[in-house]
Amino acid sequence: MVRAVFLDRDGTINVEKDYLHRLEDFEFIPGAIEAIKRLKESGFLIVVVTNQSGIARGYFTEDDVNRLHAHLQKELARYGTGVDAFYFCPHHPDFGTKAGEGDCNCRKGKPGMLLQAATDWNIDLTASIMIGDKHADLEAGRAAGCYTILVRTGYGEEELKKGAGKVADEVAENLLVAAQYVLGHGQ
């Protein structure tokens, strides 16, 4: 079995911009590329797990999300690194075209995306880490059995004020500091 670092996308890897879907609006948080590269070089599988309710809301399509992920990969490749897999939840409990569509197991704080990745990639969830900027990221990670790190970027600082730090195993300034913690503690 392999170890993975599960990463939230918006607010963790890239600058938080409401309902990001346009390539020209994508911007890495400083240190994020280096963090991904270090974690990957240390043998971790890098898996992005992201709620994308803008699809259910009709703001953008799954193709838009896939294009943004391809752009993210292309940018990371310029630095000799990349993400191993992307998983996204297109649902929202209050939006959608079918009754019950938003009642899914993939929307974080539920662990569905992490569990699916574990099946797809033979991941040992108890030896893996979930890093994100929201309480829901931490809930999903905990429910899957992962170690959890809250970053202060994106919504992280606001989430700390609401008590998300009590759910996190660790709090870090940003993804690079979180990666340094993971690598320094042999998680």
Protein backbone atom coordinates (compact mmCIF):
# COMPACT_ATOMS: atom_id res chain seq x y z
CA MET A 1 0.00 0.00 0.00
CA VAL A 2 1.11 3.56 -0.67
CA ARG A 3 0.98 6.74 1.40
CA ALA A 4 -0.77 9.78 0.00
CA VAL A 5 -1.08 13.44 0.72
CA PHE A 6 -4.62 14.54 -0.07
CA LEU A 7 -4.79 18.21 -0.93
CA ASP A 8 -7.76 20.51 -1.07
CA ARG A 9 -7.40 22.75 -4.13
CA ASP A 10 -8.86 26.24 -3.66
CA GLY A 11 -7.26 28.08 -0.75
CA THR A 12 -4.65 25.36 -0.25
CA ILE A 13 -2.83 25.00 -3.59
CA ASN A 14 -4.15 28.07 -5.36
CA VAL A 15 -5.39 31.46 -4.24
CA GLU A 16 -9.05 31.30 -3.20
CA LYS A 17 -11.29 32.90 -5.82
CA ASP A 18 -14.99 32.18 -5.54
CA TYR A 19 -16.03 29.48 -8.01
CA LEU A 20 -12.69 29.42 -9.81
CA HIS A 21 -12.99 27.93 -13.28
CA ARG A 22 -11.20 30.30 -15.68
CA LEU A 23 -7.54 29.53 -16.41
CA GLU A 24 -6.59 33.19 -16.37
CA ASP A 25 -7.82 33.46 -12.76
CA PHE A 26 -5.67 30.57 -11.51
CA GLU A 27 -2.77 31.57 -9.25
CA PHE A 28 -0.61 29.32 -7.08
CA ILE A 29 -0.22 30.23 -3.42
CA PRO A 30 3.49 31.00 -2.85
CA GLY A 31 5.36 27.84 -1.88
CA ALA A 32 2.66 25.44 -3.14
CA ILE A 33 4.66 24.19 -6.12
CA GLU A 34 7.72 23.53 -3.95
CA ALA A 35 5.55 21.74 -1.37
CA ILE A 36 4.03 19.41 -3.98
CA LYS A 37 7.45 18.73 -5.47
CA ARG A 38 9.02 17.89 -2.09
CA LEU A 39 6.17 15.63 -1.03
CA LYS A 40 6.16 13.80 -4.35
CA GLU A 41 9.94 13.38 -4.33
CA SER A 42 9.64 11.90 -0.83
CA GLY A 43 7.42 9.13 -2.16
CA PHE A 44 3.93 10.40 -1.39
CA LEU A 45 1.15 10.04 -3.91
CA ILE A 46 -0.36 13.51 -4.45
CA VAL A 47 -4.15 13.48 -4.73
CA VAL A 48 -6.31 16.59 -5.08
CA VAL A 49 -9.81 16.29 -3.58
CA THR A 50 -12.02 19.30 -4.17
CA ASN A 51 -15.67 20.27 -3.75
CA GLN A 52 -16.86 21.99 -6.92
CA SER A 53 -20.45 22.98 -6.19
CA GLY A 54 -20.26 25.58 -8.96
CA ILE A 55 -21.16 22.70 -11.29
CA ALA A 56 -24.43 21.97 -9.44
CA ARG A 57 -25.11 25.70 -9.25
CA GLY A 58 -24.70 26.01 -13.04
CA TYR A 59 -21.72 28.41 -12.85
CA PHE A 60 -19.40 26.13 -14.84
CA THR A 61 -19.16 22.57 -16.16
CA GLU A 62 -17.17 19.45 -15.37
CA ASP A 63 -15.20 20.15 -18.57
CA ASP A 64 -14.21 23.55 -17.11
CA VAL A 65 -12.92 21.82 -13.96
CA ASN A 66 -11.00 19.27 -16.03
CA ARG A 67 -9.45 22.06 -18.12
CA LEU A 68 -8.36 23.88 -14.95
CA HIS A 69 -6.80 20.69 -13.60
CA ALA A 70 -4.97 20.14 -16.90
CA HIS A 71 -3.67 23.72 -16.62
CA LEU A 72 -2.54 23.12 -13.03
CA GLN A 73 -0.71 19.95 -14.19
CA LYS A 74 0.95 21.80 -17.06
CA GLU A 75 2.21 24.49 -14.69
CA LEU A 76 3.52 21.91 -12.20
CA ALA A 77 5.26 20.01 -15.02
CA ARG A 78 7.31 23.12 -15.74
CA TYR A 79 8.86 22.55 -12.29
CA GLY A 80 9.31 18.81 -12.72
CA THR A 81 6.39 17.70 -10.60
CA GLY A 82 2.67 17.02 -10.75
CA VAL A 83 -0.46 15.68 -9.13
CA ASP A 84 -1.11 11.94 -9.40
CA ALA A 85 -4.91 12.16 -9.36
CA PHE A 86 -7.75 14.65 -9.18
CA TYR A 87 -11.14 13.93 -7.62
CA PHE A 88 -13.96 16.44 -7.46
CA CYS A 89 -17.47 16.50 -6.10
CA PRO A 90 -19.86 18.32 -8.46
CA HIS A 91 -22.76 18.26 -5.99
CA HIS A 92 -24.38 20.64 -3.55
CA PRO A 93 -27.26 19.70 -1.24
CA ASP A 94 -29.35 22.72 -2.26
CA PHE A 95 -28.76 22.60 -6.02
CA GLY A 96 -29.01 20.06 -8.80
CA THR A 97 -31.40 18.74 -11.36
CA LYS A 98 -32.41 15.47 -9.68
CA ALA A 99 -34.03 14.95 -6.28
CA GLY A 100 -31.43 13.92 -3.73
CA GLU A 101 -28.55 14.68 -6.09
CA GLY A 102 -26.72 16.74 -3.47
CA ASP A 103 -27.00 13.99 -0.86
CA CYS A 104 -23.75 12.34 -1.86
CA ASN A 105 -20.84 10.69 -0.09
CA CYS A 106 -18.22 12.60 -2.07
CA ARG A 107 -18.80 16.14 -0.81
CA LYS A 108 -16.26 16.97 1.91
CA GLY A 109 -16.74 16.67 5.03
CA LYS A 110 -17.73 13.17 3.94
CA PRO A 111 -14.82 10.90 2.98
CA GLY A 112 -16.09 9.59 -0.38
CA MET A 113 -13.38 11.08 -2.59
CA LEU A 114 -10.61 9.87 -0.26
CA LEU A 115 -12.14 6.40 -0.03
CA GLN A 116 -12.46 6.19 -3.82
CA ALA A 117 -8.85 7.27 -4.27
CA ALA A 118 -7.75 4.67 -1.71
CA THR A 119 -9.50 1.97 -3.74
CA ASP A 120 -8.17 3.27 -7.07
CA TRP A 121 -4.57 3.72 -5.93
CA ASN A 122 -4.13 1.16 -3.11
CA ILE A 123 -3.62 3.94 -0.53
CA ASP A 124 -3.10 3.25 3.16
CA LEU A 125 -5.38 5.94 4.60
CA THR A 126 -4.01 5.60 8.14
CA ALA A 127 -0.52 6.44 6.81
CA SER A 128 -1.83 9.36 4.74
CA ILE A 129 -2.43 13.06 5.35
CA MET A 130 -5.27 15.42 4.42
CA ILE A 131 -4.30 19.10 4.06
CA GLY A 132 -6.89 21.81 3.55
CA ASP A 133 -8.16 25.24 4.55
CA LYS A 134 -11.68 24.30 5.70
CA HIS A 135 -13.30 22.35 8.50
CA ALA A 136 -14.92 20.12 5.86
CA ASP A 137 -11.45 19.10 4.60
CA LEU A 138 -10.47 18.04 8.10
CA GLU A 139 -13.74 16.18 8.67
CA ALA A 140 -13.27 14.22 5.44
CA GLY A 141 -9.69 13.39 6.35
CA ARG A 142 -10.60 12.26 9.87
CA ALA A 143 -13.53 10.18 8.61
CA ALA A 144 -11.14 8.42 6.21
CA GLY A 145 -8.59 7.80 9.00
CA CYS A 146 -5.98 10.31 7.84
CA TYR A 147 -3.77 12.69 9.80
CA THR A 148 -5.10 16.24 9.20
CA ILE A 149 -3.44 19.61 8.72
CA LEU A 150 -5.28 22.92 8.50
CA VAL A 151 -3.50 25.64 6.49
CA ARG A 152 -4.08 29.30 7.33
CA THR A 153 -4.33 30.28 3.65
CA GLY A 154 -7.66 30.58 1.84
CA TYR A 155 -10.40 30.29 4.46
CA GLY A 156 -8.00 28.76 7.00
CA GLU A 157 -7.63 31.78 9.27
CA GLU A 158 -11.40 32.29 9.36
CA GLU A 159 -11.95 28.58 10.01
CA LEU A 160 -9.48 28.70 12.91
CA LYS A 161 -11.61 31.40 14.55
CA LYS A 162 -14.62 29.08 14.21
CA GLY A 163 -12.77 26.25 15.99
CA ALA A 164 -11.41 24.18 13.10
CA GLY A 165 -8.04 24.02 14.85
CA LYS A 166 -9.62 21.67 17.40
CA VAL A 167 -10.33 19.16 14.63
CA ALA A 168 -6.89 19.44 13.00
CA ASP A 169 -3.94 17.37 14.15
CA GLU A 170 -1.71 20.28 13.11
CA VAL A 171 -2.07 23.89 11.90
CA ALA A 172 0.39 25.33 9.37
CA GLU A 173 0.89 28.76 7.83
CA ASN A 174 0.63 27.39 4.27
CA LEU A 175 1.12 24.26 2.20
CA LEU A 176 4.91 24.55 2.17
CA VAL A 177 5.06 24.69 5.98
CA ALA A 178 2.63 21.75 6.15
CA ALA A 179 4.88 19.77 3.78
CA GLN A 180 7.92 20.60 5.89
CA TYR A 181 6.05 19.36 8.97
CA VAL A 182 5.07 16.11 7.24
CA LEU A 183 8.58 15.48 5.95
CA GLY A 184 10.24 16.47 9.22
CA HIS A 185 8.04 14.20 11.33
CA GLY A 186 8.13 11.17 9.08
CA GLN A 187 4.37 10.97 8.78
